[in-house]
């Protein structure tokens, strides 16, 4: 876990992930969002997209992963704004970039900017989030036997 004092504005983390059909299928199963645009190749081919589109919140979940990579354990979401800018298709490689833009040290809150781009540089998601540092006392020690 990184303390809030160790995360000044400008601190950045990246996650790169290629979206596979199994990712979309599993996300649909877990979330219950079984819209055929996401789940059915034949149906998706009849839409203006022409092929399956990954769930927007699957892309959002990659942002969440990047938050955890940035901070380590001990932080919780207290707010999230996601703006979906374009479709993500099965086979796309996404790069999620999360940057600290504000530190509210007295309240132990980080404000983060998120941007997700596809392999061609197209922005598919952006937004802001707020994470609250929950403290170290409740965190398990890695050295405990």
Protein backbone atom coordinates (compact mmCIF):
# COMPACT_ATOMS: atom_id res chain seq x y z
CA UNK A 1 0.00 0.00 0.00
CA UNK A 2 1.20 3.46 -0.84
CA UNK A 3 0.28 6.19 1.59
CA UNK A 4 -1.47 9.24 0.20
CA UNK A 5 1.70 11.26 0.89
CA UNK A 6 3.51 9.04 -1.62
CA UNK A 7 1.07 9.85 -4.43
CA UNK A 8 1.53 13.51 -5.45
CA UNK A 9 -0.25 15.02 -8.45
CA UNK A 10 1.24 13.67 -11.64
CA UNK A 11 1.76 10.15 -10.28
CA UNK A 12 0.64 7.77 -13.01
CA UNK A 13 -0.04 4.06 -13.57
CA UNK A 14 -0.85 2.06 -16.71
CA UNK A 15 -2.58 -1.23 -17.47
CA UNK A 16 -2.49 -2.81 -20.93
CA UNK A 17 -4.99 -5.55 -21.71
CA UNK A 18 -6.29 -7.24 -24.83
CA UNK A 19 -10.02 -7.96 -24.67
CA UNK A 20 -10.86 -11.52 -25.65
CA UNK A 21 -14.21 -13.11 -26.38
CA UNK A 22 -13.92 -15.08 -23.12
CA UNK A 23 -13.53 -11.80 -21.18
CA UNK A 24 -16.74 -10.43 -22.69
CA UNK A 25 -18.59 -13.71 -22.14
CA UNK A 26 -17.50 -13.94 -18.49
CA UNK A 27 -18.29 -10.29 -17.79
CA UNK A 28 -21.77 -10.79 -19.27
CA UNK A 29 -22.31 -13.90 -17.13
CA UNK A 30 -21.11 -12.23 -13.93
CA UNK A 31 -22.91 -8.93 -14.47
CA UNK A 32 -26.08 -10.37 -15.97
CA UNK A 33 -25.77 -7.99 -18.93
CA UNK A 34 -26.51 -10.47 -21.71
CA UNK A 35 -27.36 -7.89 -24.38
CA UNK A 36 -26.82 -9.72 -27.69
CA UNK A 37 -24.69 -6.79 -28.89
CA UNK A 38 -22.10 -8.10 -26.42
CA UNK A 39 -22.86 -11.80 -26.48
CA UNK A 40 -23.98 -12.89 -29.97
CA UNK A 41 -21.71 -12.61 -33.03
CA UNK A 42 -24.59 -13.08 -35.50
CA UNK A 43 -26.77 -10.42 -33.85
CA UNK A 44 -23.87 -7.97 -33.45
CA UNK A 45 -23.07 -8.35 -37.16
CA UNK A 46 -26.52 -6.86 -37.97
CA UNK A 47 -25.86 -3.68 -35.95
CA UNK A 48 -24.06 -0.52 -37.10
CA UNK A 49 -20.99 -1.79 -35.19
CA UNK A 50 -20.84 -4.90 -37.39
CA UNK A 51 -19.37 -7.07 -34.63
CA UNK A 52 -19.48 -7.75 -30.90
CA UNK A 53 -18.87 -4.79 -28.62
CA UNK A 54 -17.36 -5.26 -25.16
CA UNK A 55 -19.37 -4.00 -22.20
CA UNK A 56 -18.49 -0.42 -21.32
CA UNK A 57 -18.17 -1.37 -17.68
CA UNK A 58 -15.63 -4.05 -18.60
CA UNK A 59 -13.46 -1.17 -19.78
CA UNK A 60 -14.33 0.64 -16.54
CA UNK A 61 -13.18 -2.40 -14.57
CA UNK A 62 -9.74 -2.08 -16.18
CA UNK A 63 -9.64 1.47 -14.80
CA UNK A 64 -10.40 0.02 -11.36
CA UNK A 65 -7.54 -2.48 -11.79
CA UNK A 66 -5.23 0.41 -12.61
CA UNK A 67 -6.32 2.27 -9.47
CA UNK A 68 -5.31 -0.72 -7.36
CA UNK A 69 -1.96 -0.98 -9.15
CA UNK A 70 -1.39 2.72 -8.43
CA UNK A 71 -2.29 2.72 -4.74
CA UNK A 72 -2.01 -0.86 -3.56
CA UNK A 73 -4.59 -2.13 -1.06
CA UNK A 74 -6.26 0.10 1.50
CA UNK A 75 -8.25 2.48 -0.70
CA UNK A 76 -11.96 2.43 -1.57
CA UNK A 77 -13.93 4.12 -4.31
CA UNK A 78 -16.05 7.03 -3.16
CA UNK A 79 -16.90 8.36 -6.62
CA UNK A 80 -16.59 7.54 -10.29
CA UNK A 81 -17.42 9.35 -13.53
CA UNK A 82 -17.00 7.42 -16.77
CA UNK A 83 -17.51 8.89 -20.22
CA UNK A 84 -17.74 6.29 -22.98
CA UNK A 85 -16.20 7.78 -26.13
CA UNK A 86 -16.17 4.85 -28.54
CA UNK A 87 -16.70 1.11 -28.89
CA UNK A 88 -14.30 -1.57 -27.73
CA UNK A 89 -14.33 -4.73 -29.83
CA UNK A 90 -13.18 -8.24 -29.10
CA UNK A 91 -9.48 -8.27 -29.97
CA UNK A 92 -8.79 -4.62 -29.10
CA UNK A 93 -5.80 -3.89 -26.91
CA UNK A 94 -6.58 -1.21 -24.34
CA UNK A 95 -4.22 1.01 -22.39
CA UNK A 96 -5.72 2.46 -19.23
CA UNK A 97 -3.84 5.41 -17.77
CA UNK A 98 -4.72 6.73 -14.33
CA UNK A 99 -3.13 9.96 -13.10
CA UNK A 100 -3.39 11.63 -9.71
CA UNK A 101 -4.72 15.16 -10.34
CA UNK A 102 -5.52 16.24 -6.77
CA UNK A 103 -4.66 15.14 -3.24
CA UNK A 104 -7.01 16.13 -0.42
CA UNK A 105 -4.63 15.14 2.35
CA UNK A 106 -6.84 16.27 5.27
CA UNK A 107 -9.67 14.01 4.04
CA UNK A 108 -7.29 11.25 2.78
CA UNK A 109 -8.81 11.48 -0.72
CA UNK A 110 -7.15 11.12 -4.12
CA UNK A 111 -8.79 12.54 -7.24
CA UNK A 112 -7.73 10.64 -10.34
CA UNK A 113 -8.10 11.22 -14.06
CA UNK A 114 -8.62 8.13 -16.21
CA UNK A 115 -8.08 7.72 -19.94
CA UNK A 116 -8.42 4.48 -21.91
CA UNK A 117 -7.19 4.24 -25.49
CA UNK A 118 -7.21 1.48 -28.10
CA UNK A 119 -4.17 0.19 -29.95
CA UNK A 120 -4.61 2.88 -32.64
CA UNK A 121 -4.68 5.68 -30.05
CA UNK A 122 -8.45 6.20 -30.19
CA UNK A 123 -9.84 7.32 -26.84
CA UNK A 124 -12.65 5.00 -25.78
CA UNK A 125 -13.19 6.15 -22.19
CA UNK A 126 -12.26 9.01 -19.92
CA UNK A 127 -13.36 10.29 -16.56
CA UNK A 128 -12.49 11.06 -12.98
CA UNK A 129 -12.67 9.11 -9.77
CA UNK A 130 -12.10 9.62 -6.09
CA UNK A 131 -10.49 7.11 -3.77
CA UNK A 132 -10.29 7.33 0.01
CA UNK A 133 -7.37 5.96 1.95
CA UNK A 134 -8.80 3.75 4.66
CA UNK A 135 -5.70 3.57 6.85
CA UNK A 136 -3.18 0.93 7.70
CA UNK A 137 -4.52 -0.53 10.96
CA UNK A 138 -7.08 -2.72 9.19
CA UNK A 139 -4.63 -3.97 6.58
CA UNK A 140 -3.15 -7.45 7.10
CA UNK A 141 0.58 -7.61 7.55
CA UNK A 142 2.51 -9.57 4.93
CA UNK A 143 5.01 -10.51 7.63
CA UNK A 144 2.43 -11.99 10.01
CA UNK A 145 2.90 -15.73 10.48
